[in-house]
Amino acid sequence: MLEDVAIIDVEEYLIVGNRQKLKKRILDEIDKGKRKFVIDFSKSLYVDSSGLGVLISISKKIDEQDGELRLASINKGLHTLFELTKLDTLFEIAENREEALRDI
């Protein structure tokens, strides 16, 4: 049921300056009872190491709540970054938002 899913869009950059904003949005949704999340990167151009760190932190928090996290619409450069850091094994990565929402 899609009403159980929080969809979060990442704007242009996920960097040290805005990473806490993303984390707060996720934690607020958890407080509201959400346990399933899709983070959509279709508008995102760049993620720095602190952005990767916050994604890992968010993933752990969602796991603690027996939730589910999927990433969607990661561009080629970001996908390479996830592969190089082996984070592609930690996160379920979908081609697009529709695929991410399938069977969640």
N, C-alpha and C. Protein backbone atom coordinates (compact mmCIF):
# COMPACT_ATOMS: atom_id res chain seq x y z
N MET A 1 0.84 -1.18 0.00
CA MET A 1 0.00 0.00 0.00
C MET A 1 0.88 1.25 0.00
N LEU A 2 0.68 2.08 -0.99
CA LEU A 2 1.54 3.24 -1.15
C LEU A 2 1.38 4.28 -0.05
N GLU A 3 0.24 4.30 0.64
CA GLU A 3 0.08 5.25 1.73
C GLU A 3 1.01 4.92 2.90
N ASP A 4 1.56 3.72 2.90
CA ASP A 4 2.52 3.31 3.93
C ASP A 4 3.95 3.71 3.58
N VAL A 5 4.15 4.26 2.40
CA VAL A 5 5.49 4.55 1.90
C VAL A 5 5.76 6.06 1.89
N ALA A 6 6.89 6.46 2.45
CA ALA A 6 7.33 7.85 2.36
C ALA A 6 8.30 7.96 1.19
N ILE A 7 8.00 8.86 0.27
CA ILE A 7 8.89 9.10 -0.87
C ILE A 7 9.60 10.42 -0.62
N ILE A 8 10.91 10.36 -0.61
CA ILE A 8 11.74 11.53 -0.32
C ILE A 8 12.58 11.83 -1.55
N ASP A 9 12.48 13.06 -2.06
CA ASP A 9 13.30 13.49 -3.19
C ASP A 9 14.55 14.17 -2.67
N VAL A 10 15.69 13.82 -3.26
CA VAL A 10 16.96 14.48 -2.95
C VAL A 10 17.19 15.53 -4.04
N GLU A 11 17.30 16.77 -3.62
CA GLU A 11 17.57 17.85 -4.57
C GLU A 11 19.06 17.87 -4.91
N GLU A 12 19.40 18.40 -6.02
CA GLU A 12 20.74 18.53 -6.60
C GLU A 12 21.90 17.86 -5.89
N TYR A 13 22.12 18.18 -4.61
CA TYR A 13 23.30 17.67 -3.91
C TYR A 13 22.92 17.13 -2.54
N LEU A 14 23.55 16.03 -2.16
CA LEU A 14 23.44 15.53 -0.80
C LEU A 14 24.84 15.65 -0.22
N ILE A 15 25.04 16.75 0.50
CA ILE A 15 26.37 17.11 0.98
C ILE A 15 26.32 17.50 2.45
N VAL A 16 27.49 17.84 2.99
CA VAL A 16 27.60 18.18 4.41
C VAL A 16 26.61 19.28 4.80
N GLY A 17 26.33 20.22 3.92
CA GLY A 17 25.46 21.35 4.24
C GLY A 17 23.98 21.02 4.37
N ASN A 18 23.54 19.92 3.76
CA ASN A 18 22.10 19.62 3.81
C ASN A 18 21.77 18.19 4.25
N ARG A 19 22.76 17.43 4.62
CA ARG A 19 22.52 16.03 4.95
C ARG A 19 21.60 15.87 6.16
N GLN A 20 21.70 16.77 7.13
CA GLN A 20 20.86 16.66 8.31
C GLN A 20 19.39 16.91 7.99
N LYS A 21 19.14 17.70 6.96
CA LYS A 21 17.76 17.95 6.52
C LYS A 21 17.11 16.65 6.06
N LEU A 22 17.85 15.85 5.28
CA LEU A 22 17.34 14.56 4.83
C LEU A 22 17.11 13.63 6.02
N LYS A 23 18.07 13.58 6.91
CA LYS A 23 17.93 12.70 8.08
C LYS A 23 16.72 13.10 8.92
N LYS A 24 16.52 14.38 9.12
CA LYS A 24 15.38 14.86 9.91
C LYS A 24 14.06 14.48 9.25
N ARG A 25 13.98 14.61 7.92
CA ARG A 25 12.76 14.22 7.20
C ARG A 25 12.43 12.75 7.41
N ILE A 26 13.45 11.90 7.34
CA ILE A 26 13.25 10.47 7.54
C ILE A 26 12.81 10.19 8.98
N LEU A 27 13.51 10.80 9.94
CA LEU A 27 13.17 10.57 11.35
C LEU A 27 11.77 11.07 11.67
N ASP A 28 11.38 12.19 11.08
CA ASP A 28 10.01 12.70 11.27
C ASP A 28 8.99 11.71 10.74
N GLU A 29 9.27 11.12 9.57
CA GLU A 29 8.35 10.13 8.99
C GLU A 29 8.30 8.86 9.85
N ILE A 30 9.42 8.46 10.41
CA ILE A 30 9.44 7.31 11.32
C ILE A 30 8.57 7.61 12.54
N ASP A 31 8.71 8.83 13.07
CA ASP A 31 7.89 9.23 14.23
C ASP A 31 6.40 9.21 13.90
N LYS A 32 6.06 9.44 12.64
CA LYS A 32 4.66 9.41 12.21
C LYS A 32 4.18 7.98 11.92
N GLY A 33 5.09 7.02 12.05
CA GLY A 33 4.69 5.62 11.86
C GLY A 33 5.10 5.01 10.54
N LYS A 34 5.74 5.77 9.67
CA LYS A 34 6.19 5.20 8.39
C LYS A 34 7.34 4.24 8.62
N ARG A 35 7.35 3.17 7.85
CA ARG A 35 8.42 2.18 7.95
C ARG A 35 9.01 1.84 6.58
N LYS A 36 8.39 2.31 5.52
CA LYS A 36 8.87 2.03 4.17
C LYS A 36 9.24 3.35 3.50
N PHE A 37 10.43 3.36 2.89
CA PHE A 37 10.95 4.59 2.32
C PHE A 37 11.55 4.37 0.94
N VAL A 38 11.29 5.32 0.06
CA VAL A 38 11.96 5.40 -1.23
C VAL A 38 12.64 6.76 -1.27
N ILE A 39 13.94 6.76 -1.44
CA ILE A 39 14.68 8.01 -1.62
C ILE A 39 14.99 8.12 -3.10
N ASP A 40 14.44 9.15 -3.73
CA ASP A 40 14.54 9.35 -5.19
C ASP A 40 15.65 10.36 -5.50
N PHE A 41 16.61 9.91 -6.28
CA PHE A 41 17.76 10.73 -6.65
C PHE A 41 17.66 11.28 -8.07
N SER A 42 16.48 11.29 -8.67
CA SER A 42 16.36 11.71 -10.07
C SER A 42 16.78 13.16 -10.30
N LYS A 43 16.73 14.00 -9.28
CA LYS A 43 17.14 15.41 -9.40
C LYS A 43 18.54 15.65 -8.84
N SER A 44 19.17 14.60 -8.34
CA SER A 44 20.44 14.74 -7.65
C SER A 44 21.62 14.58 -8.61
N LEU A 45 22.61 15.42 -8.41
CA LEU A 45 23.80 15.40 -9.25
C LEU A 45 25.02 14.84 -8.52
N TYR A 46 25.03 15.00 -7.19
CA TYR A 46 26.26 14.70 -6.46
C TYR A 46 25.95 14.31 -5.02
N VAL A 47 26.69 13.35 -4.50
CA VAL A 47 26.63 12.96 -3.10
C VAL A 47 28.06 12.91 -2.59
N ASP A 48 28.35 13.63 -1.49
CA ASP A 48 29.69 13.58 -0.94
C ASP A 48 29.76 12.51 0.16
N SER A 49 30.92 12.38 0.79
CA SER A 49 31.10 11.31 1.78
C SER A 49 30.16 11.49 2.98
N SER A 50 29.87 12.72 3.36
CA SER A 50 28.94 12.93 4.47
C SER A 50 27.52 12.54 4.06
N GLY A 51 27.19 12.73 2.79
CA GLY A 51 25.90 12.28 2.27
C GLY A 51 25.79 10.76 2.30
N LEU A 52 26.87 10.08 1.93
CA LEU A 52 26.88 8.61 2.01
C LEU A 52 26.73 8.17 3.46
N GLY A 53 27.42 8.89 4.35
CA GLY A 53 27.33 8.56 5.78
C GLY A 53 25.92 8.68 6.32
N VAL A 54 25.22 9.73 5.90
CA VAL A 54 23.86 9.91 6.40
C VAL A 54 22.93 8.84 5.82
N LEU A 55 23.17 8.41 4.59
CA LEU A 55 22.37 7.32 4.02
C LEU A 55 22.57 6.03 4.82
N ILE A 56 23.80 5.76 5.22
CA ILE A 56 24.08 4.58 6.04
C ILE A 56 23.38 4.70 7.39
N SER A 57 23.47 5.87 8.00
CA SER A 57 22.81 6.12 9.28
C SER A 57 21.30 5.94 9.17
N ILE A 58 20.72 6.50 8.12
CA ILE A 58 19.28 6.37 7.88
C ILE A 58 18.91 4.90 7.69
N SER A 59 19.71 4.18 6.93
CA SER A 59 19.45 2.76 6.69
C SER A 59 19.42 1.98 8.00
N LYS A 60 20.38 2.25 8.88
CA LYS A 60 20.42 1.56 10.17
C LYS A 60 19.18 1.88 10.99
N LYS A 61 18.78 3.15 11.00
CA LYS A 61 17.61 3.56 11.78
C LYS A 61 16.34 2.88 11.25
N ILE A 62 16.21 2.82 9.94
CA ILE A 62 15.04 2.16 9.33
C ILE A 62 15.06 0.66 9.65
N ASP A 63 16.24 0.04 9.59
CA ASP A 63 16.35 -1.39 9.94
C ASP A 63 15.94 -1.64 11.38
N GLU A 64 16.32 -0.73 12.28
CA GLU A 64 15.95 -0.87 13.69
C GLU A 64 14.44 -0.86 13.88
N GLN A 65 13.74 -0.21 12.97
CA GLN A 65 12.29 -0.10 13.03
C GLN A 65 11.61 -1.19 12.20
N ASP A 66 12.39 -2.19 11.77
CA ASP A 66 11.89 -3.25 10.88
C ASP A 66 11.28 -2.67 9.61
N GLY A 67 11.91 -1.62 9.12
CA GLY A 67 11.43 -0.96 7.92
C GLY A 67 12.17 -1.39 6.68
N GLU A 68 11.88 -0.69 5.60
CA GLU A 68 12.49 -1.01 4.30
C GLU A 68 12.88 0.29 3.62
N LEU A 69 14.06 0.30 3.03
CA LEU A 69 14.56 1.46 2.31
C LEU A 69 15.00 1.05 0.92
N ARG A 70 14.55 1.83 -0.05
CA ARG A 70 15.01 1.63 -1.43
C ARG A 70 15.46 2.97 -1.99
N LEU A 71 16.50 2.93 -2.79
CA LEU A 71 16.98 4.12 -3.49
C LEU A 71 16.54 4.02 -4.94
N ALA A 72 16.20 5.15 -5.53
CA ALA A 72 15.70 5.13 -6.91
C ALA A 72 16.37 6.21 -7.75
N SER A 73 16.46 5.93 -9.04
CA SER A 73 16.88 6.91 -10.05
C SER A 73 18.27 7.48 -9.80
N ILE A 74 19.19 6.59 -9.49
CA ILE A 74 20.58 7.02 -9.28
C ILE A 74 21.27 7.12 -10.63
N ASN A 75 21.88 8.29 -10.90
CA ASN A 75 22.54 8.47 -12.19
C ASN A 75 23.80 7.61 -12.27
N LYS A 76 24.38 7.57 -13.46
CA LYS A 76 25.52 6.69 -13.72
C LYS A 76 26.70 6.99 -12.78
N GLY A 77 26.99 8.27 -12.59
CA GLY A 77 28.11 8.65 -11.71
C GLY A 77 27.88 8.22 -10.28
N LEU A 78 26.66 8.44 -9.79
CA LEU A 78 26.35 8.03 -8.42
C LEU A 78 26.35 6.51 -8.29
N HIS A 79 25.89 5.84 -9.33
CA HIS A 79 25.89 4.37 -9.29
C HIS A 79 27.33 3.86 -9.20
N THR A 80 28.23 4.48 -9.93
CA THR A 80 29.64 4.09 -9.86
C THR A 80 30.18 4.32 -8.45
N LEU A 81 29.82 5.45 -7.84
CA LEU A 81 30.24 5.74 -6.47
C LEU A 81 29.74 4.66 -5.51
N PHE A 82 28.48 4.27 -5.66
CA PHE A 82 27.92 3.23 -4.80
C PHE A 82 28.65 1.90 -5.02
N GLU A 83 29.01 1.61 -6.26
CA GLU A 83 29.74 0.37 -6.54
C GLU A 83 31.15 0.41 -5.94
N LEU A 84 31.85 1.53 -6.11
CA LEU A 84 33.22 1.65 -5.60
C LEU A 84 33.28 1.55 -4.08
N THR A 85 32.26 2.07 -3.42
CA THR A 85 32.22 2.04 -1.96
C THR A 85 31.52 0.79 -1.43
N LYS A 86 31.09 -0.09 -2.35
CA LYS A 86 30.38 -1.33 -2.03
C LYS A 86 29.02 -1.07 -1.37
N LEU A 87 28.53 0.16 -1.45
CA LEU A 87 27.22 0.48 -0.87
C LEU A 87 26.08 -0.07 -1.73
N ASP A 88 26.40 -0.47 -2.94
CA ASP A 88 25.37 -1.09 -3.78
C ASP A 88 24.95 -2.44 -3.19
N THR A 89 25.77 -3.00 -2.29
CA THR A 89 25.39 -4.24 -1.62
C THR A 89 24.56 -3.98 -0.37
N LEU A 90 24.61 -2.77 0.15
CA LEU A 90 23.85 -2.41 1.34
C LEU A 90 22.44 -1.94 0.98
N PHE A 91 22.33 -1.20 -0.11
CA PHE A 91 21.06 -0.61 -0.49
C PHE A 91 20.42 -1.35 -1.65
N GLU A 92 19.10 -1.40 -1.63
CA GLU A 92 18.36 -1.88 -2.79
C GLU A 92 18.19 -0.68 -3.70
N ILE A 93 18.72 -0.77 -4.91
CA ILE A 93 18.71 0.35 -5.84
C ILE A 93 17.83 0.00 -7.04
N ALA A 94 16.85 0.86 -7.28
CA ALA A 94 15.92 0.66 -8.39
C ALA A 94 16.22 1.65 -9.51
N GLU A 95 15.90 1.27 -10.73
CA GLU A 95 16.12 2.13 -11.89
C GLU A 95 15.35 3.44 -11.79
N ASN A 96 14.11 3.36 -11.26
CA ASN A 96 13.27 4.55 -11.17
C ASN A 96 12.30 4.39 -10.01
N ARG A 97 11.53 5.44 -9.77
CA ARG A 97 10.60 5.46 -8.63
C ARG A 97 9.55 4.36 -8.74
N GLU A 98 9.05 4.15 -9.95
CA GLU A 98 8.02 3.13 -10.15
C GLU A 98 8.53 1.74 -9.78
N GLU A 99 9.74 1.43 -10.21
CA GLU A 99 10.34 0.13 -9.88
C GLU A 99 10.56 0.01 -8.37
N ALA A 100 10.99 1.10 -7.74
CA ALA A 100 11.23 1.08 -6.30
C ALA A 100 9.94 0.82 -5.53
N LEU A 101 8.83 1.32 -6.04
CA LEU A 101 7.56 1.17 -5.35
C LEU A 101 6.91 -0.19 -5.55
N ARG A 102 7.40 -0.93 -6.54
CA ARG A 102 6.84 -2.24 -6.82
C ARG A 102 7.11 -3.19 -5.65
N ASP A 103 6.07 -3.79 -5.14
CA ASP A 103 6.17 -4.81 -4.09
C ASP A 103 6.80 -4.33 -2.78
N ILE A 104 6.71 -3.05 -2.52
CA ILE A 104 7.28 -2.57 -1.26
C ILE A 104 6.26 -2.69 -0.15
